[in-house]
């Protein structure tokens, strides 16, 4: 919330009114790097939490197939990534309520985070799961995912990759109009 007041409301180019079209994209840009590194760490911990001596034997004696446990981990990791994407939305509600209550909107921050940012964060989450599935050694897998997250952040900031299929983990650039909002995008 404090970072949004400094970065969005009291912007160096002039103070802005706390409308959803201005606040939500700036908040996502503000916390994007933090969310990526949190996903790299927490998803890795989720994928490695069953590596306790004796746990494999207990799970192996049950009648559930191995795919149930793997799909459960993947769903939990995607749920965690979605929770990390929704954190700026709730602080956006607080900022909009404090700075511009007349333009408070429940739908605009949720739509922006779920339609624009969540797919790119899900890509990063799935690539982190893939790295932990392919690399057996715990330390090497964590190092690989942190380097991968750093590359995604540098690529997003500097625009190193121009070919769209290789722009993994980068949110789509969507300009929201202050006059019509989501109307051009939603039809």
N, C-alpha and C. Protein backbone atom coordinates (compact mmCIF):
# COMPACT_ATOMS: atom_id res chain seq x y z
N UNK A 1 0.84 -1.18 0.00
CA UNK A 1 0.00 0.00 0.00
C UNK A 1 0.89 1.25 0.00
N UNK A 2 1.92 1.24 0.85
CA UNK A 2 2.82 2.40 0.91
C UNK A 2 3.57 2.60 -0.39
N UNK A 3 4.00 1.50 -1.01
CA UNK A 3 4.71 1.60 -2.28
C UNK A 3 3.83 2.16 -3.38
N UNK A 4 2.57 1.85 -3.34
CA UNK A 4 1.65 2.38 -4.35
C UNK A 4 1.46 3.88 -4.19
N UNK A 5 1.38 4.34 -2.95
CA UNK A 5 1.25 5.78 -2.75
C UNK A 5 2.49 6.51 -3.25
N UNK A 6 3.66 5.92 -3.06
CA UNK A 6 4.89 6.57 -3.51
C UNK A 6 5.03 6.44 -5.02
N UNK A 7 4.78 5.26 -5.57
CA UNK A 7 5.07 4.98 -6.97
C UNK A 7 3.95 5.41 -7.91
N UNK A 8 2.71 5.38 -7.48
CA UNK A 8 1.59 5.67 -8.38
C UNK A 8 0.91 6.99 -8.06
N UNK A 9 0.57 7.21 -6.82
CA UNK A 9 -0.18 8.43 -6.48
C UNK A 9 0.74 9.65 -6.53
N UNK A 10 1.87 9.59 -5.86
CA UNK A 10 2.82 10.71 -5.86
C UNK A 10 3.90 10.47 -6.91
N UNK A 11 3.49 10.29 -8.13
CA UNK A 11 4.40 9.99 -9.23
C UNK A 11 5.28 11.20 -9.54
N UNK A 12 6.54 10.98 -9.97
CA UNK A 12 7.41 12.11 -10.28
C UNK A 12 6.89 13.02 -11.39
N UNK A 13 6.05 12.48 -12.28
CA UNK A 13 5.51 13.32 -13.36
C UNK A 13 4.29 14.11 -12.90
N UNK A 14 3.95 13.99 -11.66
CA UNK A 14 2.82 14.72 -11.13
C UNK A 14 1.91 13.80 -10.36
N UNK A 15 1.25 14.31 -9.33
CA UNK A 15 0.36 13.45 -8.55
C UNK A 15 -0.81 12.96 -9.40
N UNK A 16 -1.17 11.72 -9.19
CA UNK A 16 -2.26 11.13 -9.95
C UNK A 16 -3.43 10.81 -9.04
N UNK A 17 -4.60 10.81 -9.62
CA UNK A 17 -5.77 10.39 -8.88
C UNK A 17 -5.78 8.87 -8.85
N UNK A 18 -6.16 8.30 -7.74
CA UNK A 18 -6.08 6.86 -7.57
C UNK A 18 -7.19 6.10 -8.26
N UNK A 19 -7.25 6.18 -9.58
CA UNK A 19 -8.24 5.44 -10.33
C UNK A 19 -7.70 4.06 -10.70
N UNK A 20 -8.57 3.08 -10.87
CA UNK A 20 -8.10 1.72 -11.15
C UNK A 20 -7.26 1.61 -12.42
N UNK A 21 -7.57 2.42 -13.44
CA UNK A 21 -6.82 2.35 -14.70
C UNK A 21 -5.37 2.76 -14.52
N UNK A 22 -5.10 3.57 -13.50
CA UNK A 22 -3.74 4.02 -13.24
C UNK A 22 -3.04 3.18 -12.18
N UNK A 23 -3.77 2.80 -11.16
CA UNK A 23 -3.14 2.15 -10.01
C UNK A 23 -2.77 0.70 -10.28
N UNK A 24 -3.68 -0.06 -10.83
CA UNK A 24 -3.45 -1.51 -10.94
C UNK A 24 -2.26 -1.84 -11.83
N UNK A 25 -2.11 -1.27 -13.04
CA UNK A 25 -0.91 -1.60 -13.82
C UNK A 25 0.39 -1.18 -13.13
N UNK A 26 0.38 -0.06 -12.44
CA UNK A 26 1.60 0.37 -11.74
C UNK A 26 1.90 -0.53 -10.55
N UNK A 27 0.87 -0.99 -9.86
CA UNK A 27 1.11 -1.89 -8.73
C UNK A 27 1.66 -3.22 -9.19
N UNK A 28 1.14 -3.74 -10.29
CA UNK A 28 1.64 -5.01 -10.80
C UNK A 28 3.09 -4.87 -11.25
N UNK A 29 3.42 -3.74 -11.84
CA UNK A 29 4.82 -3.51 -12.24
C UNK A 29 5.71 -3.38 -11.01
N UNK A 30 5.18 -2.81 -9.96
CA UNK A 30 5.93 -2.61 -8.73
C UNK A 30 6.26 -3.94 -8.05
N UNK A 31 5.34 -4.88 -8.04
CA UNK A 31 5.54 -6.14 -7.31
C UNK A 31 5.87 -7.32 -8.21
N UNK A 32 6.03 -7.10 -9.51
CA UNK A 32 6.26 -8.19 -10.45
C UNK A 32 7.52 -8.99 -10.11
N UNK A 33 8.61 -8.32 -9.87
CA UNK A 33 9.87 -9.03 -9.57
C UNK A 33 9.77 -9.79 -8.25
N UNK A 34 9.13 -9.20 -7.28
CA UNK A 34 8.99 -9.86 -5.98
C UNK A 34 8.15 -11.12 -6.12
N UNK A 35 7.07 -11.04 -6.88
CA UNK A 35 6.19 -12.19 -7.07
C UNK A 35 6.93 -13.31 -7.80
N UNK A 36 7.73 -12.98 -8.80
CA UNK A 36 8.45 -14.01 -9.54
C UNK A 36 9.44 -14.74 -8.63
N UNK A 37 10.19 -14.01 -7.82
CA UNK A 37 11.14 -14.67 -6.93
C UNK A 37 10.43 -15.45 -5.83
N UNK A 38 9.27 -14.96 -5.37
CA UNK A 38 8.51 -15.71 -4.38
C UNK A 38 8.01 -17.03 -4.97
N UNK A 39 7.56 -16.99 -6.22
CA UNK A 39 7.11 -18.22 -6.87
C UNK A 39 8.27 -19.19 -7.05
N UNK A 40 9.43 -18.67 -7.44
CA UNK A 40 10.59 -19.55 -7.63
C UNK A 40 10.96 -20.26 -6.33
N UNK A 41 10.86 -19.58 -5.21
CA UNK A 41 11.21 -20.19 -3.94
C UNK A 41 10.12 -21.08 -3.36
N UNK A 42 8.90 -20.55 -3.30
CA UNK A 42 7.82 -21.29 -2.66
C UNK A 42 7.37 -22.51 -3.46
N UNK A 43 7.32 -22.38 -4.77
CA UNK A 43 6.93 -23.53 -5.59
C UNK A 43 8.00 -24.62 -5.50
N UNK A 44 9.26 -24.21 -5.46
CA UNK A 44 10.32 -25.20 -5.27
C UNK A 44 10.19 -25.92 -3.95
N UNK A 45 9.86 -25.19 -2.90
CA UNK A 45 9.67 -25.84 -1.60
C UNK A 45 8.47 -26.78 -1.61
N UNK A 46 7.41 -26.40 -2.34
CA UNK A 46 6.25 -27.28 -2.45
C UNK A 46 6.59 -28.56 -3.21
N UNK A 47 7.41 -28.44 -4.23
CA UNK A 47 7.75 -29.62 -5.02
C UNK A 47 8.70 -30.55 -4.28
N UNK A 48 9.45 -30.02 -3.32
CA UNK A 48 10.44 -30.82 -2.60
C UNK A 48 10.00 -31.24 -1.20
N UNK A 49 8.80 -30.92 -0.79
CA UNK A 49 8.42 -31.17 0.60
C UNK A 49 8.22 -32.65 0.92
N UNK A 50 8.04 -33.49 -0.09
CA UNK A 50 7.85 -34.92 0.15
C UNK A 50 9.15 -35.69 0.27
N UNK A 51 10.27 -35.02 0.14
CA UNK A 51 11.56 -35.70 0.18
C UNK A 51 12.02 -35.91 1.62
N UNK A 52 11.21 -36.61 2.36
CA UNK A 52 11.52 -36.94 3.75
C UNK A 52 11.78 -38.44 3.79
N UNK A 53 12.82 -38.87 4.47
CA UNK A 53 13.09 -40.32 4.51
C UNK A 53 11.89 -41.09 5.06
N UNK A 54 11.47 -42.11 4.31
CA UNK A 54 10.35 -42.94 4.73
C UNK A 54 9.02 -42.52 4.16
N UNK A 55 8.91 -41.29 3.66
CA UNK A 55 7.63 -40.79 3.15
C UNK A 55 7.26 -41.48 1.84
N UNK A 56 8.24 -41.73 0.98
CA UNK A 56 7.96 -42.41 -0.29
C UNK A 56 7.37 -43.80 -0.06
N UNK A 57 7.88 -44.50 0.97
CA UNK A 57 7.36 -45.83 1.25
C UNK A 57 5.92 -45.77 1.74
N UNK A 58 5.61 -44.75 2.55
CA UNK A 58 4.23 -44.61 3.03
C UNK A 58 3.28 -44.28 1.89
N UNK A 59 3.69 -43.38 1.01
CA UNK A 59 2.84 -43.01 -0.11
C UNK A 59 2.73 -44.17 -1.09
N UNK A 60 3.83 -44.91 -1.27
CA UNK A 60 3.81 -46.04 -2.19
C UNK A 60 2.90 -47.16 -1.74
N UNK A 61 2.61 -47.25 -0.47
CA UNK A 61 1.73 -48.31 0.02
C UNK A 61 0.25 -47.98 -0.13
N UNK A 62 -0.07 -46.75 -0.47
CA UNK A 62 -1.48 -46.39 -0.68
C UNK A 62 -1.93 -46.83 -2.06
N UNK A 63 -3.23 -46.81 -2.28
CA UNK A 63 -3.77 -47.27 -3.56
C UNK A 63 -3.90 -46.15 -4.58
N UNK A 64 -3.64 -44.92 -4.20
CA UNK A 64 -3.76 -43.80 -5.13
C UNK A 64 -2.59 -43.82 -6.11
N UNK A 65 -2.85 -43.54 -7.38
CA UNK A 65 -1.74 -43.50 -8.34
C UNK A 65 -0.84 -42.29 -8.09
N UNK A 66 0.37 -42.38 -8.63
CA UNK A 66 1.36 -41.32 -8.45
C UNK A 66 0.88 -40.01 -9.09
N UNK A 67 0.10 -40.11 -10.16
CA UNK A 67 -0.36 -38.91 -10.85
C UNK A 67 -1.24 -38.04 -9.96
N UNK A 68 -1.94 -38.63 -9.00
CA UNK A 68 -2.78 -37.85 -8.09
C UNK A 68 -1.91 -36.91 -7.27
N UNK A 69 -0.81 -37.41 -6.76
CA UNK A 69 0.08 -36.57 -5.95
C UNK A 69 0.74 -35.48 -6.80
N UNK A 70 1.15 -35.83 -8.01
CA UNK A 70 1.79 -34.85 -8.89
C UNK A 70 0.79 -33.77 -9.30
N UNK A 71 -0.41 -34.15 -9.69
CA UNK A 71 -1.42 -33.16 -10.06
C UNK A 71 -1.83 -32.30 -8.86
N UNK A 72 -1.85 -32.90 -7.68
CA UNK A 72 -2.14 -32.12 -6.47
C UNK A 72 -1.09 -31.06 -6.22
N UNK A 73 0.17 -31.41 -6.42
CA UNK A 73 1.25 -30.42 -6.26
C UNK A 73 1.14 -29.31 -7.29
N UNK A 74 0.84 -29.67 -8.53
CA UNK A 74 0.72 -28.67 -9.59
C UNK A 74 -0.45 -27.73 -9.29
N UNK A 75 -1.58 -28.27 -8.88
CA UNK A 75 -2.74 -27.42 -8.57
C UNK A 75 -2.45 -26.52 -7.37
N UNK A 76 -1.76 -27.06 -6.36
CA UNK A 76 -1.41 -26.24 -5.20
C UNK A 76 -0.44 -25.12 -5.59
N UNK A 77 0.51 -25.42 -6.47
CA UNK A 77 1.46 -24.40 -6.91
C UNK A 77 0.76 -23.32 -7.72
N UNK A 78 -0.15 -23.70 -8.60
CA UNK A 78 -0.90 -22.69 -9.37
C UNK A 78 -1.81 -21.87 -8.47
N UNK A 79 -2.39 -22.49 -7.45
CA UNK A 79 -3.20 -21.74 -6.48
C UNK A 79 -2.36 -20.74 -5.70
N UNK A 80 -1.15 -21.14 -5.34
CA UNK A 80 -0.24 -20.23 -4.65
C UNK A 80 0.15 -19.07 -5.55
N UNK A 81 0.41 -19.35 -6.82
CA UNK A 81 0.75 -18.28 -7.77
C UNK A 81 -0.43 -17.32 -7.94
N UNK A 82 -1.64 -17.85 -7.99
CA UNK A 82 -2.81 -16.99 -8.09
C UNK A 82 -2.98 -16.12 -6.85
N UNK A 83 -2.68 -16.69 -5.68
CA UNK A 83 -2.75 -15.90 -4.44
C UNK A 83 -1.73 -14.77 -4.46
N UNK A 84 -0.54 -15.03 -5.00
CA UNK A 84 0.47 -13.97 -5.09
C UNK A 84 0.05 -12.89 -6.07
N UNK A 85 -0.67 -13.25 -7.11
CA UNK A 85 -1.15 -12.26 -8.08
C UNK A 85 -2.25 -11.40 -7.47
N UNK A 86 -3.04 -11.98 -6.57
CA UNK A 86 -4.16 -11.23 -5.99
C UNK A 86 -3.76 -10.32 -4.84
N UNK A 87 -2.55 -10.45 -4.32
CA UNK A 87 -2.11 -9.58 -3.22
C UNK A 87 -2.13 -8.10 -3.63
N UNK A 88 -1.58 -7.72 -4.80
CA UNK A 88 -1.66 -6.31 -5.19
C UNK A 88 -3.08 -5.83 -5.42
N UNK A 89 -3.99 -6.73 -5.76
CA UNK A 89 -5.38 -6.33 -5.97
C UNK A 89 -5.99 -5.82 -4.67
N UNK A 90 -5.74 -6.55 -3.58
CA UNK A 90 -6.31 -6.13 -2.31
C UNK A 90 -5.69 -4.82 -1.83
N UNK A 91 -4.40 -4.64 -2.04
CA UNK A 91 -3.82 -3.35 -1.65
C UNK A 91 -4.30 -2.25 -2.59
N UNK A 92 -4.62 -2.60 -3.85
CA UNK A 92 -5.22 -1.62 -4.76
C UNK A 92 -6.57 -1.16 -4.29
N UNK A 93 -7.35 -2.09 -3.72
CA UNK A 93 -8.64 -1.70 -3.14
C UNK A 93 -8.44 -0.70 -2.02
N UNK A 94 -7.44 -0.92 -1.18
CA UNK A 94 -7.17 0.01 -0.07
C UNK A 94 -6.76 1.37 -0.61
N UNK A 95 -5.87 1.38 -1.59
CA UNK A 95 -5.38 2.66 -2.14
C UNK A 95 -6.51 3.41 -2.83
N UNK A 96 -7.32 2.70 -3.61
CA UNK A 96 -8.45 3.37 -4.27
C UNK A 96 -9.44 3.91 -3.25
N UNK A 97 -9.68 3.14 -2.20
CA UNK A 97 -10.61 3.60 -1.17
C UNK A 97 -10.12 4.81 -0.42
N UNK A 98 -8.80 4.91 -0.22
CA UNK A 98 -8.25 6.06 0.51
C UNK A 98 -8.03 7.27 -0.37
N UNK A 99 -7.59 7.07 -1.61
CA UNK A 99 -7.22 8.23 -2.43
C UNK A 99 -8.34 8.72 -3.33
N UNK A 100 -9.16 7.82 -3.84
CA UNK A 100 -10.25 8.24 -4.74
C UNK A 100 -11.45 7.34 -4.56
N UNK A 101 -12.20 7.53 -3.47
CA UNK A 101 -13.34 6.64 -3.23
C UNK A 101 -14.44 6.75 -4.29
N UNK A 102 -14.52 7.86 -5.00
CA UNK A 102 -15.56 8.01 -6.02
C UNK A 102 -15.30 7.13 -7.23
N UNK A 103 -14.07 6.69 -7.45
CA UNK A 103 -13.77 5.84 -8.61
C UNK A 103 -13.45 4.40 -8.20
N UNK A 104 -13.90 4.00 -7.03
CA UNK A 104 -13.63 2.64 -6.53
C UNK A 104 -14.30 1.62 -7.45
N UNK A 105 -13.55 0.60 -7.82
CA UNK A 105 -14.07 -0.44 -8.71
C UNK A 105 -13.57 -1.80 -8.24
N UNK A 106 -14.49 -2.74 -8.10
CA UNK A 106 -14.10 -4.10 -7.74
C UNK A 106 -13.65 -4.90 -8.96
N UNK A 107 -14.25 -4.63 -10.10
CA UNK A 107 -14.00 -5.47 -11.27
C UNK A 107 -12.70 -5.14 -11.98
N UNK A 108 -12.33 -3.89 -12.10
CA UNK A 108 -11.16 -3.53 -12.89
C UNK A 108 -9.86 -4.12 -12.36
N UNK A 109 -9.55 -4.03 -11.07
CA UNK A 109 -8.31 -4.66 -10.60
C UNK A 109 -8.32 -6.18 -10.73
N UNK A 110 -9.47 -6.80 -10.48
CA UNK A 110 -9.56 -8.25 -10.60
C UNK A 110 -9.40 -8.70 -12.05
N UNK A 111 -10.06 -8.01 -12.97
CA UNK A 111 -9.92 -8.35 -14.38
C UNK A 111 -8.48 -8.19 -14.85
N UNK A 112 -7.86 -7.08 -14.47
CA UNK A 112 -6.48 -6.85 -14.92
C UNK A 112 -5.55 -7.92 -14.39
N UNK A 113 -5.67 -8.25 -13.12
CA UNK A 113 -4.73 -9.23 -12.57
C UNK A 113 -5.02 -10.64 -13.06
N UNK A 114 -6.28 -11.01 -13.23
CA UNK A 114 -6.61 -12.37 -13.64
C UNK A 114 -6.45 -12.60 -15.14
N UNK A 115 -6.73 -11.58 -15.96
CA UNK A 115 -6.65 -11.75 -17.41
C UNK A 115 -5.29 -11.35 -18.00
N UNK A 116 -4.60 -10.43 -17.38
CA UNK A 116 -3.35 -9.93 -17.96
C UNK A 116 -2.13 -10.51 -17.26
N UNK A 117 -2.11 -10.48 -15.94
CA UNK A 117 -0.90 -10.86 -15.20
C UNK A 117 -0.88 -12.35 -14.84
N UNK A 118 -2.01 -12.92 -14.48
CA UNK A 118 -2.04 -14.31 -14.01
C UNK A 118 -1.54 -15.32 -15.04
N UNK A 119 -1.83 -15.19 -16.35
CA UNK A 119 -1.28 -16.18 -17.28
C UNK A 119 0.24 -16.16 -17.35
N UNK A 120 0.85 -14.99 -17.27
CA UNK A 120 2.32 -14.94 -17.31
C UNK A 120 2.92 -15.52 -16.03
N UNK A 121 2.29 -15.27 -14.90
CA UNK A 121 2.78 -15.84 -13.64
C UNK A 121 2.57 -17.36 -13.63
N UNK A 122 1.48 -17.83 -14.24
CA UNK A 122 1.26 -19.28 -14.35
C UNK A 122 2.33 -19.93 -15.22
N UNK A 123 2.78 -19.23 -16.28
CA UNK A 123 3.88 -19.75 -17.11
C UNK A 123 5.14 -19.92 -16.27
N UNK A 124 5.44 -18.94 -15.47
CA UNK A 124 6.64 -19.01 -14.63
C UNK A 124 6.50 -20.12 -13.60
N UNK A 125 5.32 -20.27 -13.04
CA UNK A 125 5.07 -21.33 -12.07
C UNK A 125 5.26 -22.70 -12.70
N UNK A 126 4.72 -22.91 -13.89
CA UNK A 126 4.85 -24.20 -14.55
C UNK A 126 6.29 -24.48 -14.97
N UNK A 127 7.02 -23.45 -15.38
CA UNK A 127 8.44 -23.66 -15.71
C UNK A 127 9.25 -23.99 -14.46
N UNK A 128 8.88 -23.41 -13.33
CA UNK A 128 9.55 -23.75 -12.07
C UNK A 128 9.28 -25.21 -11.70
N UNK A 129 8.04 -25.64 -11.88
CA UNK A 129 7.70 -27.05 -11.62
C UNK A 129 8.50 -27.96 -12.56
N UNK A 130 8.60 -27.56 -13.82
CA UNK A 130 9.35 -28.37 -14.79
C UNK A 130 10.83 -28.47 -14.40
N UNK A 131 11.42 -27.37 -13.96
CA UNK A 131 12.84 -27.40 -13.56
C UNK A 131 13.04 -28.34 -12.36
N UNK A 132 12.13 -28.30 -11.40
CA UNK A 132 12.26 -29.17 -10.24
C UNK A 132 11.97 -30.63 -10.59
N UNK A 133 11.18 -30.86 -11.65
CA UNK A 133 10.94 -32.24 -12.08
C UNK A 133 12.12 -32.79 -12.87
N UNK A 134 12.78 -31.93 -13.64
CA UNK A 134 13.89 -32.39 -14.46
C UNK A 134 15.21 -32.49 -13.69
N UNK A 135 15.43 -31.60 -12.75
CA UNK A 135 16.70 -31.56 -12.02
C UNK A 135 16.48 -32.22 -10.66
N UNK A 136 17.17 -33.27 -10.43
CA UNK A 136 16.94 -34.05 -9.20
C UNK A 136 17.59 -33.43 -7.98
N UNK A 137 18.78 -32.85 -8.13
CA UNK A 137 19.46 -32.27 -6.97
C UNK A 137 18.76 -30.98 -6.55
N UNK A 138 18.48 -30.88 -5.27
CA UNK A 138 17.69 -29.76 -4.75
C UNK A 138 18.36 -28.41 -4.97
N UNK A 139 19.64 -28.29 -4.62
CA UNK A 139 20.34 -27.01 -4.74
C UNK A 139 20.46 -26.54 -6.17
N UNK A 140 20.75 -27.47 -7.08
CA UNK A 140 20.86 -27.11 -8.49
C UNK A 140 19.51 -26.65 -9.04
N UNK A 141 18.44 -27.30 -8.64
CA UNK A 141 17.11 -26.92 -9.11
C UNK A 141 16.73 -25.53 -8.61
N UNK A 142 17.02 -25.24 -7.34
CA UNK A 142 16.72 -23.90 -6.82
C UNK A 142 17.55 -22.84 -7.54
N UNK A 143 18.83 -23.11 -7.76
CA UNK A 143 19.69 -22.15 -8.46
C UNK A 143 19.20 -21.92 -9.88
N UNK A 144 18.79 -22.98 -10.54
CA UNK A 144 18.29 -22.85 -11.92
C UNK A 144 17.01 -22.02 -11.96
N UNK A 145 16.11 -22.23 -11.03
CA UNK A 145 14.87 -21.46 -11.04
C UNK A 145 15.09 -20.00 -10.69
N UNK A 146 16.04 -19.71 -9.82
CA UNK A 146 16.33 -18.31 -9.49
C UNK A 146 16.99 -17.62 -10.68
N UNK A 147 17.90 -18.30 -11.36
CA UNK A 147 18.51 -17.72 -12.57
C UNK A 147 17.45 -17.52 -13.65
N UNK A 148 16.56 -18.49 -13.79
CA UNK A 148 15.47 -18.38 -14.75
C UNK A 148 14.57 -17.18 -14.42
N UNK A 149 14.25 -16.99 -13.14
CA UNK A 149 13.43 -15.85 -12.74
C UNK A 149 14.15 -14.54 -13.02
N UNK A 150 15.45 -14.50 -12.76
CA UNK A 150 16.23 -13.29 -13.04
C UNK A 150 16.22 -12.98 -14.53
N UNK A 151 16.35 -14.00 -15.37
CA UNK A 151 16.32 -13.79 -16.82
C UNK A 151 14.96 -13.26 -17.26
N UNK A 152 13.88 -13.78 -16.67
CA UNK A 152 12.55 -13.28 -17.02
C UNK A 152 12.38 -11.82 -16.64
N UNK A 153 12.90 -11.44 -15.49
CA UNK A 153 12.77 -10.05 -15.04
C UNK A 153 13.58 -9.12 -15.93
N UNK A 154 14.81 -9.51 -16.24
CA UNK A 154 15.64 -8.67 -17.11
C UNK A 154 15.02 -8.58 -18.50
N UNK A 155 14.48 -9.68 -19.01
CA UNK A 155 13.84 -9.66 -20.31
C UNK A 155 12.61 -8.76 -20.31
N UNK A 156 11.86 -8.78 -19.22
CA UNK A 156 10.66 -7.93 -19.15
C UNK A 156 11.03 -6.45 -19.08
N UNK A 157 12.08 -6.13 -18.34
CA UNK A 157 12.47 -4.73 -18.20
C UNK A 157 13.18 -4.18 -19.43
N UNK A 158 14.05 -4.97 -20.02
CA UNK A 158 14.86 -4.47 -21.14
C UNK A 158 14.28 -4.82 -22.50
N UNK A 159 13.37 -5.75 -22.56
CA UNK A 159 12.80 -6.15 -23.84
C UNK A 159 13.82 -6.82 -24.74
N UNK A 160 14.60 -7.75 -24.20
CA UNK A 160 15.66 -8.40 -24.97
C UNK A 160 15.12 -9.30 -26.06
N UNK A 161 14.03 -9.98 -25.81
CA UNK A 161 13.45 -10.91 -26.77
C UNK A 161 12.26 -10.23 -27.43
N UNK A 162 12.28 -10.16 -28.76
CA UNK A 162 11.19 -9.53 -29.49
C UNK A 162 10.23 -10.54 -30.10
N UNK A 163 10.65 -11.79 -30.24
CA UNK A 163 9.82 -12.82 -30.85
C UNK A 163 8.76 -13.26 -29.86
N UNK A 164 7.46 -13.05 -30.14
CA UNK A 164 6.41 -13.27 -29.14
C UNK A 164 6.37 -14.65 -28.49
N UNK A 165 6.56 -15.77 -29.22
CA UNK A 165 6.51 -17.05 -28.50
C UNK A 165 7.62 -17.23 -27.46
N UNK A 166 8.70 -16.49 -27.58
CA UNK A 166 9.80 -16.61 -26.62
C UNK A 166 9.67 -15.60 -25.48
N UNK A 167 8.65 -14.77 -25.49
CA UNK A 167 8.44 -13.81 -24.41
C UNK A 167 7.66 -14.50 -23.30
N UNK A 168 8.32 -15.38 -22.59
CA UNK A 168 7.68 -16.17 -21.54
C UNK A 168 7.69 -15.38 -20.24
N UNK A 169 6.58 -15.40 -19.54
CA UNK A 169 6.50 -14.76 -18.24
C UNK A 169 6.35 -13.25 -18.28
N UNK A 170 6.03 -12.69 -19.43
CA UNK A 170 5.86 -11.24 -19.56
C UNK A 170 4.37 -10.94 -19.70
N UNK A 171 3.82 -10.11 -18.82
CA UNK A 171 2.40 -9.77 -18.96
C UNK A 171 2.13 -9.01 -20.25
N UNK A 172 0.96 -9.21 -20.80
CA UNK A 172 0.56 -8.53 -22.02
C UNK A 172 0.45 -7.03 -21.75
N UNK A 173 0.87 -6.24 -22.70
CA UNK A 173 0.75 -4.79 -22.57
C UNK A 173 -0.64 -4.36 -23.03
N UNK A 174 -1.45 -3.94 -22.09
CA UNK A 174 -2.81 -3.50 -22.37
C UNK A 174 -2.97 -2.12 -21.78
N UNK A 175 -3.37 -1.17 -22.60
CA UNK A 175 -3.64 0.17 -22.12
C UNK A 175 -5.11 0.33 -21.80
N UNK A 176 -5.41 0.66 -20.56
CA UNK A 176 -6.80 0.86 -20.17
C UNK A 176 -7.16 2.33 -20.30
N UNK A 177 -8.27 2.59 -20.95
CA UNK A 177 -8.72 3.96 -21.13
C UNK A 177 -9.42 4.45 -19.87
N UNK A 178 -9.20 5.70 -19.55
CA UNK A 178 -9.89 6.28 -18.40
C UNK A 178 -11.34 6.56 -18.72
N UNK A 179 -11.68 6.68 -20.00
CA UNK A 179 -13.04 7.00 -20.38
C UNK A 179 -13.92 5.77 -20.53
N UNK A 180 -13.41 4.73 -21.22
CA UNK A 180 -14.25 3.57 -21.50
C UNK A 180 -13.82 2.32 -20.74
N UNK A 181 -12.68 2.35 -20.08
CA UNK A 181 -12.23 1.22 -19.25
C UNK A 181 -11.96 -0.02 -20.07
N UNK A 182 -12.66 -1.11 -19.74
CA UNK A 182 -12.45 -2.40 -20.40
C UNK A 182 -13.31 -2.61 -21.63
N UNK A 183 -14.15 -1.65 -21.99
CA UNK A 183 -15.09 -1.83 -23.08
C UNK A 183 -14.44 -2.22 -24.42
N UNK A 184 -13.33 -1.62 -24.84
CA UNK A 184 -12.74 -2.05 -26.11
C UNK A 184 -12.21 -3.49 -26.08
N UNK A 185 -11.82 -3.96 -24.93
CA UNK A 185 -11.23 -5.29 -24.83
C UNK A 185 -12.28 -6.37 -24.61
N UNK A 186 -13.37 -6.03 -23.96
CA UNK A 186 -14.38 -7.03 -23.63
C UNK A 186 -15.52 -7.09 -24.64
N UNK A 187 -15.54 -6.16 -25.59
CA UNK A 187 -16.57 -6.20 -26.65
C UNK A 187 -17.85 -5.70 -26.13
